[in-house]
Amino acid sequence: MFISDIVLAELSRPSYPQSHAALEFTVGAQVLEVNEDTLGLARVLIREKVMPGPLEGDALHVAACVHHGMDYLLTWNVRHLANPNKRTHLAAVCYRLGRVPPEIMTPNMLWEPGDE
């Protein structure tokens, strides 16, 4: 499991629901570096209207995954991330840039009925 420092910052906010439990889940995860390439990719995703602005949150999450070649991005955010309507648009922009988009899914998509 990988995580970006952006996610860690979001989970550390006092206003984040169940912040402590969420942070405990990330212990041991390798942290992905967010650098100028990641920021540039996030700007493209915003400019191409794949992700909403400003340059934080969703656009950076996706850009970090794309930049580091992650196969999956796991999220509860169905509105902007695990949105089936976004997949084609994200793929088109990524392929145009010579990148491969991650498969964006919710945790429920990974569990089969009866898995506990």
PDB file of N, CA and C in Angstrom:
ATOM      1  N   MET A   1       0.849  -1.171   0.000  1.00  0.00           N
ATOM      2  CA  MET A   1       0.000   0.000   0.000  1.00  0.00           C
ATOM      3  C   MET A   1       0.893   1.232   0.000  1.00  0.00           C
ATOM      4  N   PHE A   2       0.510   2.196  -0.818  1.00  0.00           N
ATOM      5  CA  PHE A   2       1.213   3.467  -0.916  1.00  0.00           C
ATOM      6  C   PHE A   2       0.250   4.576  -0.530  1.00  0.00           C
ATOM      7  N   ILE A   3       0.815   5.679  -0.096  1.00  0.00           N
ATOM      8  CA  ILE A   3       0.006   6.833   0.287  1.00  0.00           C
ATOM      9  C   ILE A   3       0.847   8.081   0.013  1.00  0.00           C
ATOM     10  N   SER A   4       0.203   9.173  -0.300  1.00  0.00           N
ATOM     11  CA  SER A   4       0.970  10.410  -0.507  1.00  0.00           C
ATOM     12  C   SER A   4       0.928  11.248   0.764  1.00  0.00           C
ATOM     13  N   ASP A   5       1.889  12.157   0.850  1.00  0.00           N
ATOM     14  CA  ASP A   5       1.897  13.041   2.016  1.00  0.00           C
ATOM     15  C   ASP A   5       0.686  13.970   2.010  1.00  0.00           C
ATOM     16  N   ILE A   6       0.066  14.149   0.852  1.00  0.00           N
ATOM     17  CA  ILE A   6      -1.165  14.940   0.762  1.00  0.00           C
ATOM     18  C   ILE A   6      -2.287  14.246   1.531  1.00  0.00           C
ATOM     19  N   VAL A   7      -2.386  12.941   1.361  1.00  0.00           N
ATOM     20  CA  VAL A   7      -3.406  12.167   2.078  1.00  0.00           C
ATOM     21  C   VAL A   7      -3.138  12.239   3.578  1.00  0.00           C
ATOM     22  N   LEU A   8      -1.881  12.079   3.965  1.00  0.00           N
ATOM     23  CA  LEU A   8      -1.545  12.142   5.392  1.00  0.00           C
ATOM     24  C   LEU A   8      -1.920  13.497   5.983  1.00  0.00           C
ATOM     25  N   ALA A   9      -1.695  14.569   5.233  1.00  0.00           N
ATOM     26  CA  ALA A   9      -2.067  15.910   5.713  1.00  0.00           C
ATOM     27  C   ALA A   9      -3.577  16.017   5.876  1.00  0.00           C
ATOM     28  N   GLU A  10      -4.338  15.487   4.911  1.00  0.00           N
ATOM     29  CA  GLU A  10      -5.804  15.534   5.011  1.00  0.00           C
ATOM     30  C   GLU A  10      -6.302  14.738   6.216  1.00  0.00           C
ATOM     31  N   LEU A  11      -5.749  13.552   6.403  1.00  0.00           N
ATOM     32  CA  LEU A  11      -6.189  12.712   7.514  1.00  0.00           C
ATOM     33  C   LEU A  11      -5.797  13.289   8.867  1.00  0.00           C
ATOM     34  N   SER A  12      -4.779  14.129   8.895  1.00  0.00           N
ATOM     35  CA  SER A  12      -4.303  14.734  10.141  1.00  0.00           C
ATOM     36  C   SER A  12      -5.131  15.935  10.585  1.00  0.00           C
ATOM     37  N   ARG A  13      -5.974  16.442   9.716  1.00  0.00           N
ATOM     38  CA  ARG A  13      -6.802  17.599  10.086  1.00  0.00           C
ATOM     39  C   ARG A  13      -7.745  17.209  11.225  1.00  0.00           C
ATOM     40  N   PRO A  14      -7.847  18.042  12.240  1.00  0.00           N
ATOM     41  CA  PRO A  14      -8.759  17.743  13.350  1.00  0.00           C
ATOM     42  C   PRO A  14     -10.206  17.576  12.897  1.00  0.00           C
ATOM     43  N   SER A  15     -10.571  18.221  11.812  1.00  0.00           N
ATOM     44  CA  SER A  15     -11.956  18.141  11.328  1.00  0.00           C
ATOM     45  C   SER A  15     -12.243  16.857  10.551  1.00  0.00           C
ATOM     46  N   TYR A  16     -11.197  16.081  10.226  1.00  0.00           N
ATOM     47  CA  TYR A  16     -11.416  14.859   9.457  1.00  0.00           C
ATOM     48  C   TYR A  16     -12.106  13.811  10.340  1.00  0.00           C
ATOM     49  N   PRO A  17     -13.230  13.248   9.879  1.00  0.00           N
ATOM     50  CA  PRO A  17     -13.936  12.250  10.692  1.00  0.00           C
ATOM     51  C   PRO A  17     -13.053  11.028  10.967  1.00  0.00           C
ATOM     52  N   GLN A  18     -12.990  10.622  12.185  1.00  0.00           N
ATOM     53  CA  GLN A  18     -12.229   9.456  12.624  1.00  0.00           C
ATOM     54  C   GLN A  18     -10.765   9.543  12.185  1.00  0.00           C
ATOM     55  N   SER A  19     -10.192  10.719  12.356  1.00  0.00           N
ATOM     56  CA  SER A  19      -8.821  10.994  11.940  1.00  0.00           C
ATOM     57  C   SER A  19      -7.822   9.990  12.519  1.00  0.00           C
ATOM     58  N   HIS A  20      -7.923   9.746  13.800  1.00  0.00           N
ATOM     59  CA  HIS A  20      -6.963   8.844  14.458  1.00  0.00           C
ATOM     60  C   HIS A  20      -7.026   7.441  13.863  1.00  0.00           C
ATOM     61  N   ALA A  21      -8.219   6.914  13.689  1.00  0.00           N
ATOM     62  CA  ALA A  21      -8.376   5.565  13.129  1.00  0.00           C
ATOM     63  C   ALA A  21      -7.867   5.518  11.685  1.00  0.00           C
ATOM     64  N   ALA A  22      -8.141   6.553  10.924  1.00  0.00           N
ATOM     65  CA  ALA A  22      -7.685   6.598   9.533  1.00  0.00           C
ATOM     66  C   ALA A  22      -6.160   6.625   9.467  1.00  0.00           C
ATOM     67  N   LEU A  23      -5.540   7.429  10.328  1.00  0.00           N
ATOM     68  CA  LEU A  23      -4.079   7.502  10.343  1.00  0.00           C
ATOM     69  C   LEU A  23      -3.457   6.177  10.785  1.00  0.00           C
ATOM     70  N   GLU A  24      -4.084   5.499  11.711  1.00  0.00           N
ATOM     71  CA  GLU A  24      -3.573   4.200  12.155  1.00  0.00           C
ATOM     72  C   GLU A  24      -3.545   3.204  11.001  1.00  0.00           C
ATOM     73  N   PHE A  25      -4.521   3.298  10.117  1.00  0.00           N
ATOM     74  CA  PHE A  25      -4.600   2.395   8.973  1.00  0.00           C
ATOM     75  C   PHE A  25      -3.425   2.601   8.015  1.00  0.00           C
ATOM     76  N   THR A  26      -2.847   3.793   8.011  1.00  0.00           N
ATOM     77  CA  THR A  26      -1.771   4.106   7.072  1.00  0.00           C
ATOM     78  C   THR A  26      -0.385   3.731   7.585  1.00  0.00           C
ATOM     79  N   VAL A  27      -0.278   3.318   8.832  1.00  0.00           N
ATOM     80  CA  VAL A  27       1.026   2.973   9.397  1.00  0.00           C
ATOM     81  C   VAL A  27       1.672   1.880   8.554  1.00  0.00           C
ATOM     82  N   GLY A  28       2.903   2.122   8.165  1.00  0.00           N
ATOM     83  CA  GLY A  28       3.649   1.149   7.374  1.00  0.00           C
ATOM     84  C   GLY A  28       3.525   1.344   5.873  1.00  0.00           C
ATOM     85  N   ALA A  29       2.644   2.235   5.441  1.00  0.00           N
ATOM     86  CA  ALA A  29       2.496   2.484   4.012  1.00  0.00           C
ATOM     87  C   ALA A  29       3.678   3.305   3.506  1.00  0.00           C
ATOM     88  N   GLN A  30       4.119   2.988   2.310  1.00  0.00           N
ATOM     89  CA  GLN A  30       5.189   3.757   1.694  1.00  0.00           C
ATOM     90  C   GLN A  30       4.617   5.086   1.216  1.00  0.00           C
ATOM     91  N   VAL A  31       5.332   6.174   1.482  1.00  0.00           N
ATOM     92  CA  VAL A  31       4.847   7.518   1.138  1.00  0.00           C
ATOM     93  C   VAL A  31       5.384   7.920  -0.237  1.00  0.00           C
ATOM     94  N   LEU A  32       4.467   8.307  -1.123  1.00  0.00           N
ATOM     95  CA  LEU A  32       4.821   8.773  -2.454  1.00  0.00           C
ATOM     96  C   LEU A  32       5.211  10.244  -2.398  1.00  0.00           C
ATOM     97  N   GLU A  33       6.298  10.584  -3.038  1.00  0.00           N
ATOM     98  CA  GLU A  33       6.753  11.966  -3.078  1.00  0.00           C
ATOM     99  C   GLU A  33       5.880  12.785  -4.029  1.00  0.00           C
ATOM    100  N   VAL A  34       5.509  13.945  -3.581  1.00  0.00           N
ATOM    101  CA  VAL A  34       4.800  14.901  -4.435  1.00  0.00           C
ATOM    102  C   VAL A  34       5.819  15.969  -4.795  1.00  0.00           C
ATOM    103  N   ASN A  35       6.154  16.036  -6.096  1.00  0.00           N
ATOM    104  CA  ASN A  35       7.181  16.966  -6.547  1.00  0.00           C
ATOM    105  C   ASN A  35       6.631  17.864  -7.654  1.00  0.00           C
ATOM    106  N   GLU A  36       7.511  18.600  -8.317  1.00  0.00           N
ATOM    107  CA  GLU A  36       7.078  19.527  -9.369  1.00  0.00           C
ATOM    108  C   GLU A  36       6.384  18.797 -10.519  1.00  0.00           C
ATOM    109  N   ASP A  37       6.850  17.589 -10.851  1.00  0.00           N
ATOM    110  CA  ASP A  37       6.195  16.816 -11.913  1.00  0.00           C
ATOM    111  C   ASP A  37       4.758  16.477 -11.523  1.00  0.00           C
ATOM    112  N   THR A  38       4.577  16.110 -10.267  1.00  0.00           N
ATOM    113  CA  THR A  38       3.235  15.791  -9.771  1.00  0.00           C
ATOM    114  C   THR A  38       2.352  17.036  -9.826  1.00  0.00           C
ATOM    115  N   LEU A  39       2.887  18.156  -9.373  1.00  0.00           N
ATOM    116  CA  LEU A  39       2.124  19.404  -9.389  1.00  0.00           C
ATOM    117  C   LEU A  39       1.767  19.808 -10.822  1.00  0.00           C
ATOM    118  N   GLY A  40       2.711  19.644 -11.751  1.00  0.00           N
ATOM    119  CA  GLY A  40       2.443  19.974 -13.147  1.00  0.00           C
ATOM    120  C   GLY A  40       1.345  19.112 -13.731  1.00  0.00           C
ATOM    121  N   LEU A  41       1.377  17.830 -13.409  1.00  0.00           N
ATOM    122  CA  LEU A  41       0.339  16.920 -13.878  1.00  0.00           C
ATOM    123  C   LEU A  41      -1.011  17.290 -13.281  1.00  0.00           C
ATOM    124  N   ALA A  42      -1.027  17.663 -12.010  1.00  0.00           N
ATOM    125  CA  ALA A  42      -2.281  18.088 -11.372  1.00  0.00           C
ATOM    126  C   ALA A  42      -2.839  19.332 -12.063  1.00  0.00           C
ATOM    127  N   ARG A  43      -1.963  20.245 -12.425  1.00  0.00           N
ATOM    128  CA  ARG A  43      -2.412  21.457 -13.140  1.00  0.00           C
ATOM    129  C   ARG A  43      -3.056  21.091 -14.480  1.00  0.00           C
ATOM    130  N   VAL A  44      -2.469  20.124 -15.185  1.00  0.00           N
ATOM    131  CA  VAL A  44      -3.047  19.676 -16.459  1.00  0.00           C
ATOM    132  C   VAL A  44      -4.423  19.063 -16.222  1.00  0.00           C
ATOM    133  N   LEU A  45      -4.564  18.244 -15.195  1.00  0.00           N
ATOM    134  CA  LEU A  45      -5.855  17.612 -14.893  1.00  0.00           C
ATOM    135  C   LEU A  45      -6.922  18.663 -14.597  1.00  0.00           C
ATOM    136  N   ILE A  46      -6.525  19.736 -13.928  1.00  0.00           N
ATOM    137  CA  ILE A  46      -7.465  20.825 -13.637  1.00  0.00           C
ATOM    138  C   ILE A  46      -7.780  21.604 -14.916  1.00  0.00           C
ATOM    139  N   ARG A  47      -6.742  21.941 -15.670  1.00  0.00           N
ATOM    140  CA  ARG A  47      -6.939  22.706 -16.910  1.00  0.00           C
ATOM    141  C   ARG A  47      -7.837  21.957 -17.899  1.00  0.00           C
ATOM    142  N   GLU A  48      -7.674  20.634 -17.967  1.00  0.00           N
ATOM    143  CA  GLU A  48      -8.461  19.809 -18.888  1.00  0.00           C
ATOM    144  C   GLU A  48      -9.818  19.415 -18.293  1.00  0.00           C
ATOM    145  N   LYS A  49     -10.098  19.930 -17.100  1.00  0.00           N
ATOM    146  CA  LYS A  49     -11.368  19.721 -16.405  1.00  0.00           C
ATOM    147  C   LYS A  49     -11.661  18.254 -16.067  1.00  0.00           C
ATOM    148  N   VAL A  50     -10.568  17.494 -15.877  1.00  0.00           N
ATOM    149  CA  VAL A  50     -10.715  16.126 -15.372  1.00  0.00           C
ATOM    150  C   VAL A  50     -11.014  16.190 -13.882  1.00  0.00           C
ATOM    151  N   MET A  51     -10.329  17.106 -13.185  1.00  0.00           N
ATOM    152  CA  MET A  51     -10.486  17.298 -11.751  1.00  0.00           C
ATOM    153  C   MET A  51     -10.801  18.768 -11.487  1.00  0.00           C
ATOM    154  N   PRO A  52     -11.546  19.029 -10.422  1.00  0.00           N
ATOM    155  CA  PRO A  52     -11.825  20.426 -10.078  1.00  0.00           C
ATOM    156  C   PRO A  52     -10.611  21.080  -9.417  1.00  0.00           C
ATOM    157  N   GLY A  53     -10.524  22.382  -9.522  1.00  0.00           N
ATOM    158  CA  GLY A  53      -9.495  23.147  -8.825  1.00  0.00           C
ATOM    159  C   GLY A  53      -9.978  23.423  -7.421  1.00  0.00           C
ATOM    160  N   PRO A  54      -9.208  24.036  -6.597  1.00  0.00           N
ATOM    161  CA  PRO A  54      -7.861  24.530  -6.830  1.00  0.00           C
ATOM    162  C   PRO A  54      -6.835  23.403  -6.780  1.00  0.00           C
ATOM    163  N   LEU A  55      -5.570  23.773  -6.876  1.00  0.00           N
ATOM    164  CA  LEU A  55      -4.479  22.802  -6.912  1.00  0.00           C
ATOM    165  C   LEU A  55      -4.254  22.203  -5.524  1.00  0.00           C
ATOM    166  N   GLU A  56      -5.125  21.311  -5.165  1.00  0.00           N
ATOM    167  CA  GLU A  56      -5.015  20.575  -3.903  1.00  0.00           C
ATOM    168  C   GLU A  56      -5.990  19.412  -3.999  1.00  0.00           C
ATOM    169  N   GLY A  57      -5.991  18.587  -3.021  1.00  0.00           N
ATOM    170  CA  GLY A  57      -6.975  17.515  -2.939  1.00  0.00           C
ATOM    171  C   GLY A  57      -7.004  16.563  -4.118  1.00  0.00           C
ATOM    172  N   ASP A  58      -8.179  16.436  -4.734  1.00  0.00           N
ATOM    173  CA  ASP A  58      -8.438  15.409  -5.744  1.00  0.00           C
ATOM    174  C   ASP A  58      -7.430  15.405  -6.887  1.00  0.00           C
ATOM    175  N   ALA A  59      -7.143  16.563  -7.447  1.00  0.00           N
ATOM    176  CA  ALA A  59      -6.207  16.636  -8.572  1.00  0.00           C
ATOM    177  C   ALA A  59      -4.830  16.121  -8.162  1.00  0.00           C
ATOM    178  N   LEU A  60      -4.389  16.463  -6.970  1.00  0.00           N
ATOM    179  CA  LEU A  60      -3.074  15.994  -6.507  1.00  0.00           C
ATOM    180  C   LEU A  60      -3.077  14.503  -6.208  1.00  0.00           C
ATOM    181  N   HIS A  61      -4.183  13.990  -5.683  1.00  0.00           N
ATOM    182  CA  HIS A  61      -4.259  12.552  -5.414  1.00  0.00           C
ATOM    183  C   HIS A  61      -4.090  11.765  -6.714  1.00  0.00           C
ATOM    184  N   VAL A  62      -4.832  12.164  -7.734  1.00  0.00           N
ATOM    185  CA  VAL A  62      -4.763  11.465  -9.016  1.00  0.00           C
ATOM    186  C   VAL A  62      -3.387  11.665  -9.650  1.00  0.00           C
ATOM    187  N   ALA A  63      -2.882  12.889  -9.626  1.00  0.00           N
ATOM    188  CA  ALA A  63      -1.576  13.166 -10.224  1.00  0.00           C
ATOM    189  C   ALA A  63      -0.467  12.346  -9.562  1.00  0.00           C
ATOM    190  N   ALA A  64      -0.509  12.201  -8.250  1.00  0.00           N
ATOM    191  CA  ALA A  64       0.505  11.401  -7.554  1.00  0.00           C
ATOM    192  C   ALA A  64       0.445   9.948  -8.018  1.00  0.00           C
ATOM    193  N   CYS A  65      -0.749   9.419  -8.161  1.00  0.00           N
ATOM    194  CA  CYS A  65      -0.888   8.031  -8.624  1.00  0.00           C
ATOM    195  C   CYS A  65      -0.393   7.866 -10.057  1.00  0.00           C
ATOM    196  N   VAL A  66      -0.771   8.798 -10.922  1.00  0.00           N
ATOM    197  CA  VAL A  66      -0.343   8.727 -12.317  1.00  0.00           C
ATOM    198  C   VAL A  66       1.172   8.867 -12.406  1.00  0.00           C
ATOM    199  N   HIS A  67       1.723   9.865 -11.739  1.00  0.00           N
ATOM    200  CA  HIS A  67       3.165  10.129 -11.788  1.00  0.00           C
ATOM    201  C   HIS A  67       3.973   8.922 -11.306  1.00  0.00           C
ATOM    202  N   HIS A  68       3.512   8.262 -10.261  1.00  0.00           N
ATOM    203  CA  HIS A  68       4.261   7.139  -9.688  1.00  0.00           C
ATOM    204  C   HIS A  68       3.850   5.787 -10.262  1.00  0.00           C
ATOM    205  N   GLY A  69       2.975   5.789 -11.267  1.00  0.00           N
ATOM    206  CA  GLY A  69       2.616   4.542 -11.938  1.00  0.00           C
ATOM    207  C   GLY A  69       1.807   3.577 -11.089  1.00  0.00           C
ATOM    208  N   MET A  70       0.975   4.115 -10.212  1.00  0.00           N
ATOM    209  CA  MET A  70       0.137   3.265  -9.368  1.00  0.00           C
ATOM    210  C   MET A  70      -0.959   2.608 -10.222  1.00  0.00           C
ATOM    211  N   ASP A  71      -1.245   1.364  -9.925  1.00  0.00           N
ATOM    212  CA  ASP A  71      -2.299   0.643 -10.652  1.00  0.00           C
ATOM    213  C   ASP A  71      -3.689   1.054 -10.182  1.00  0.00           C
ATOM    214  N   TYR A  72      -3.815   1.354  -8.890  1.00  0.00           N
ATOM    215  CA  TYR A  72      -5.123   1.658  -8.301  1.00  0.00           C
ATOM    216  C   TYR A  72      -5.044   2.896  -7.425  1.00  0.00           C
ATOM    217  N   LEU A  73      -6.161   3.602  -7.356  1.00  0.00           N
ATOM    218  CA  LEU A  73      -6.352   4.668  -6.388  1.00  0.00           C
ATOM    219  C   LEU A  73      -7.630   4.290  -5.642  1.00  0.00           C
ATOM    220  N   LEU A  74      -7.506   4.093  -4.353  1.00  0.00           N
ATOM    221  CA  LEU A  74      -8.629   3.683  -3.518  1.00  0.00           C
ATOM    222  C   LEU A  74      -9.204   4.908  -2.816  1.00  0.00           C
ATOM    223  N   THR A  75     -10.518   5.113  -2.926  1.00  0.00           N
ATOM    224  CA  THR A  75     -11.146   6.309  -2.366  1.00  0.00           C
ATOM    225  C   THR A  75     -12.611   6.057  -2.046  1.00  0.00           C
ATOM    226  N   TRP A  76     -13.138   6.867  -1.142  1.00  0.00           N
ATOM    227  CA  TRP A  76     -14.580   6.888  -0.897  1.00  0.00           C
ATOM    228  C   TRP A  76     -15.234   8.004  -1.699  1.00  0.00           C
ATOM    229  N   ASN A  77     -14.437   8.845  -2.336  1.00  0.00           N
ATOM    230  CA  ASN A  77     -14.937  10.013  -3.052  1.00  0.00           C
ATOM    231  C   ASN A  77     -15.489   9.600  -4.419  1.00  0.00           C
ATOM    232  N   VAL A  78     -16.784   9.404  -4.491  1.00  0.00           N
ATOM    233  CA  VAL A  78     -17.420   8.988  -5.737  1.00  0.00           C
ATOM    234  C   VAL A  78     -17.727  10.190  -6.621  1.00  0.00           C
ATOM    235  N   ARG A  79     -17.866  11.348  -6.028  1.00  0.00           N
ATOM    236  CA  ARG A  79     -18.231  12.536  -6.797  1.00  0.00           C
ATOM    237  C   ARG A  79     -17.148  12.931  -7.802  1.00  0.00           C
ATOM    238  N   HIS A  80     -15.885  13.015  -7.350  1.00  0.00           N
ATOM    239  CA  HIS A  80     -14.817  13.478  -8.226  1.00  0.00           C
ATOM    240  C   HIS A  80     -13.794  12.420  -8.586  1.00  0.00           C
ATOM    241  N   LEU A  81     -13.704  11.344  -7.824  1.00  0.00           N
ATOM    242  CA  LEU A  81     -12.645  10.376  -8.091  1.00  0.00           C
ATOM    243  C   LEU A  81     -13.179   9.048  -8.648  1.00  0.00           C
ATOM    244  N   ALA A  82     -13.922   8.315  -7.861  1.00  0.00           N
ATOM    245  CA  ALA A  82     -14.414   7.005  -8.311  1.00  0.00           C
ATOM    246  C   ALA A  82     -15.709   7.173  -9.097  1.00  0.00           C
ATOM    247  N   ASN A  83     -15.723   8.141  -9.951  1.00  0.00           N
ATOM    248  CA  ASN A  83     -16.893   8.481 -10.748  1.00  0.00           C
ATOM    249  C   ASN A  83     -16.732   7.853 -12.137  1.00  0.00           C
ATOM    250  N   PRO A  84     -17.601   6.929 -12.505  1.00  0.00           N
ATOM    251  CA  PRO A  84     -17.463   6.270 -13.812  1.00  0.00           C
ATOM    252  C   PRO A  84     -17.417   7.259 -14.972  1.00  0.00           C
ATOM    253  N   ASN A  85     -18.073   8.395 -14.849  1.00  0.00           N
ATOM    254  CA  ASN A  85     -18.064   9.391 -15.925  1.00  0.00           C
ATOM    255  C   ASN A  85     -16.701  10.048 -16.098  1.00  0.00           C
ATOM    256  N   LYS A  86     -15.860   9.984 -15.085  1.00  0.00           N
ATOM    257  CA  LYS A  86     -14.531  10.594 -15.151  1.00  0.00           C
ATOM    258  C   LYS A  86     -13.491   9.673 -15.796  1.00  0.00           C
ATOM    259  N   ARG A  87     -13.732   8.372 -15.777  1.00  0.00           N
ATOM    260  CA  ARG A  87     -12.719   7.403 -16.217  1.00  0.00           C
ATOM    261  C   ARG A  87     -12.246   7.641 -17.646  1.00  0.00           C
ATOM    262  N   THR A  88     -13.175   7.808 -18.566  1.00  0.00           N
ATOM    263  CA  THR A  88     -12.816   7.989 -19.971  1.00  0.00           C
ATOM    264  C   THR A  88     -12.035   9.280 -20.168  1.00  0.00           C
ATOM    265  N   HIS A  89     -12.496  10.334 -19.529  1.00  0.00           N
ATOM    266  CA  HIS A  89     -11.829  11.633 -19.639  1.00  0.00           C
ATOM    267  C   HIS A  89     -10.410  11.553 -19.064  1.00  0.00           C
ATOM    268  N   LEU A  90     -10.261  10.962 -17.884  1.00  0.00           N
ATOM    269  CA  LEU A  90      -8.949  10.809 -17.269  1.00  0.00           C
ATOM    270  C   LEU A  90      -8.038   9.978 -18.165  1.00  0.00           C
ATOM    271  N   ALA A  91      -8.556   8.877 -18.686  1.00  0.00           N
ATOM    272  CA  ALA A  91      -7.747   8.011 -19.547  1.00  0.00           C
ATOM    273  C   ALA A  91      -7.277   8.767 -20.785  1.00  0.00           C
ATOM    274  N   ALA A  92      -8.164   9.532 -21.411  1.00  0.00           N
ATOM    275  CA  ALA A  92      -7.798  10.275 -22.625  1.00  0.00           C
ATOM    276  C   ALA A  92      -6.677  11.261 -22.343  1.00  0.00           C
ATOM    277  N   VAL A  93      -6.787  12.001 -21.244  1.00  0.00           N
ATOM    278  CA  VAL A  93      -5.757  12.987 -20.906  1.00  0.00           C
ATOM    279  C   VAL A  93      -4.447  12.278 -20.566  1.00  0.00           C
ATOM    280  N   CYS A  94      -4.511  11.236 -19.792  1.00  0.00           N
ATOM    281  CA  CYS A  94      -3.289  10.513 -19.412  1.00  0.00           C
ATOM    282  C   CYS A  94      -2.593   9.918 -20.631  1.00  0.00           C
ATOM    283  N   TYR A  95      -3.345   9.249 -21.488  1.00  0.00           N
ATOM    284  CA  TYR A  95      -2.735   8.635 -22.671  1.00  0.00           C
ATOM    285  C   TYR A  95      -2.144   9.684 -23.603  1.00  0.00           C
ATOM    286  N   ARG A  96      -2.781  10.839 -23.702  1.00  0.00           N
ATOM    287  CA  ARG A  96      -2.261  11.930 -24.515  1.00  0.00           C
ATOM    288  C   ARG A  96      -0.904  12.395 -23.975  1.00  0.00           C
ATOM    289  N   LEU A  97      -0.719  12.285 -22.656  1.00  0.00           N
ATOM    290  CA  LEU A  97       0.542  12.669 -22.013  1.00  0.00           C
ATOM    291  C   LEU A  97       1.551  11.521 -21.945  1.00  0.00           C
ATOM    292  N   GLY A  98       1.163  10.381 -22.498  1.00  0.00           N
ATOM    293  CA  GLY A  98       2.047   9.224 -22.450  1.00  0.00           C
ATOM    294  C   GLY A  98       2.059   8.542 -21.102  1.00  0.00           C
ATOM    295  N   ARG A  99       1.000   8.709 -20.352  1.00  0.00           N
ATOM    296  CA  ARG A  99       0.869   8.123 -19.012  1.00  0.00           C
ATOM    297  C   ARG A  99      -0.280   7.124 -18.988  1.00  0.00           C
ATOM    298  N   VAL A 100      -0.278   6.269 -17.983  1.00  0.00           N
ATOM    299  CA  VAL A 100      -1.346   5.291 -17.795  1.00  0.00           C
ATOM    300  C   VAL A 100      -2.147   5.703 -16.561  1.00  0.00           C
ATOM    301  N   PRO A 101      -3.463   5.835 -16.699  1.00  0.00           N
ATOM    302  CA  PRO A 101      -4.259   6.225 -15.534  1.00  0.00           C
ATOM    303  C   PRO A 101      -4.430   5.060 -14.562  1.00  0.00           C
ATOM    304  N   PRO A 102      -4.565   5.364 -13.276  1.00  0.00           N
ATOM    305  CA  PRO A 102      -4.854   4.291 -12.319  1.00  0.00           C
ATOM    306  C   PRO A 102      -6.327   3.903 -12.415  1.00  0.00           C
ATOM    307  N   GLU A 103      -6.639   2.714 -11.972  1.00  0.00           N
ATOM    308  CA  GLU A 103      -8.032   2.299 -11.816  1.00  0.00           C
ATOM    309  C   GLU A 103      -8.488   2.924 -10.499  1.00  0.00           C
ATOM    310  N   ILE A 104      -9.511   3.737 -10.555  1.00  0.00           N
ATOM    311  CA  ILE A 104      -9.994   4.433  -9.356  1.00  0.00           C
ATOM    312  C   ILE A 104     -11.236   3.705  -8.857  1.00  0.00           C
ATOM    313  N   MET A 105     -11.185   3.261  -7.609  1.00  0.00           N
ATOM    314  CA  MET A 105     -12.295   2.468  -7.067  1.00  0.00           C
ATOM    315  C   MET A 105     -12.509   2.726  -5.585  1.00  0.00           C
ATOM    316  N   THR A 106     -13.685   2.347  -5.125  1.00  0.00           N
ATOM    317  CA  THR A 106     -14.001   2.441  -3.701  1.00  0.00           C
ATOM    318  C   THR A 106     -13.622   1.123  -3.028  1.00  0.00           C
ATOM    319  N   PRO A 107     -13.434   1.133  -1.710  1.00  0.00           N
ATOM    320  CA  PRO A 107     -13.142  -0.122  -1.009  1.00  0.00           C
ATOM    321  C   PRO A 107     -14.206  -1.193  -1.258  1.00  0.00           C
ATOM    322  N   ASN A 108     -15.463  -0.785  -1.380  1.00  0.00           N
ATOM    323  CA  ASN A 108     -16.532  -1.763  -1.629  1.00  0.00           C
ATOM    324  C   ASN A 108     -16.327  -2.530  -2.928  1.00  0.00           C
ATOM    325  N   MET A 109     -15.691  -1.905  -3.895  1.00  0.00           N
ATOM    326  CA  MET A 109     -15.461  -2.562  -5.177  1.00  0.00           C
ATOM    327  C   MET A 109     -14.430  -3.689  -5.054  1.00  0.00           C
ATOM    328  N   LEU A 110     -13.633  -3.665  -3.995  1.00  0.00           N
ATOM    329  CA  LEU A 110     -12.615  -4.692  -3.784  1.00  0.00           C
ATOM    330  C   LEU A 110     -13.112  -5.887  -2.991  1.00  0.00           C
ATOM    331  N   TRP A 111     -14.195  -5.697  -2.231  1.00  0.00           N
ATOM    332  CA  TRP A 111     -14.686  -6.765  -1.375  1.00  0.00           C
ATOM    333  C   TRP A 111     -15.768  -7.546  -2.054  1.00  0.00           C
ATOM    334  N   GLU A 112     -15.707  -8.834  -1.895  1.00  0.00           N
ATOM    335  CA  GLU A 112     -16.747  -9.723  -2.399  1.00  0.00           C
ATOM    336  C   GLU A 112     -17.711 -10.019  -1.255  1.00  0.00           C
ATOM    337  N   PRO A 113     -18.982 -10.272  -1.551  1.00  0.00           N
ATOM    338  CA  PRO A 113     -19.916 -10.635  -0.473  1.00  0.00           C
ATOM    339  C   PRO A 113     -19.364 -11.818   0.319  1.00  0.00           C
ATOM    340  N   GLY A 114     -19.430 -11.695   1.625  1.00  0.00           N
ATOM    341  CA  GLY A 114     -18.939 -12.747   2.512  1.00  0.00           C
ATOM    342  C   GLY A 114     -17.513 -12.523   2.985  1.00  0.00           C
ATOM    343  N   ASP A 115     -16.764 -11.621   2.321  1.00  0.00           N
ATOM    344  CA  ASP A 115     -15.405 -11.309   2.791  1.00  0.00           C
ATOM    345  C   ASP A 115     -15.523 -10.532   4.095  1.00  0.00           C
ATOM    346  N   GLU A 116     -14.802 -10.929   5.069  1.00  0.00           N
ATOM    347  CA  GLU A 116     -14.829 -10.242   6.366  1.00  0.00           C
ATOM    348  C   GLU A 116     -13.428 -10.140   6.895  1.00  0.00           C
TER     349      GLU A 116
END
